[in-house]
């Protein structure tokens, strides 16, 4: 009978011990499962290929080789008046320089259709030189009032983006023709000095725009030139050369 009492006394203790081991086993299994799941996740993340961006950088224009003679691009002059209606005047000055520089032997001058692509764009001389294949870039600005005109011009080296020449021209509006011819001659003189070319000069007899020409007629020609560039059918033809003393563009 004493044995029976002892057995009943030890049974609860045995159940407690069994329950403790069972709980420990369950917890151990859960912990093991957690560890395994963590290992699998880390392994998956570590070996997952990185995401690549779908955006493709724009292809750069190929760099053009420089010609074997002094080369220059005249960018559209900036209209500083704040009046969009005066845009034709700054464009006309750029067009004048492009046209007359291209007539000078020994110079390689980029056409207006190529240089005016950069109109109203913030570009560096290096970018223009690389994309157009020139060694020099001419930039400028124009501020015209009712009776005065101010023109700032700078010539930059396309390789180093450093200024090789810069000058400001300020005077009465009626001196426009003289200022244009003066700018042209100083550009050519600067190029001759930079490249040590004695034969690079404005040809003898070059007159450019003559002061005796009518200023209003010249202004009309500039307006027509700006319109004809945008639409060749605006006046029924493409305006060429210097204006005659007449009003209107057609």
Foldseek 3Di string as FASTA:
>chain_A
DVVVVVVVVCVVVVVVVVVVVVVVVVVVVVVVVVVVVVVVVVVCVVPDDDDDDPDDDDDAAAFDAADPFAEEEEAQEAEPAPDPVCSLVSNLLSQLLQVQVVPFPRYHYDDPVVRDVCPPHDDALLSCCRNVVHQKYKYKYWYDDPWKIKIKIWIAGNVVSHTQDIDMDIDTPLCVQVVSVVVNQVVQVSSCVVVVPPSRGRDPPDDRDDSVADPQQQVQCSVLQVVCVVPVPPVDHHDDDGGHRDHHHD
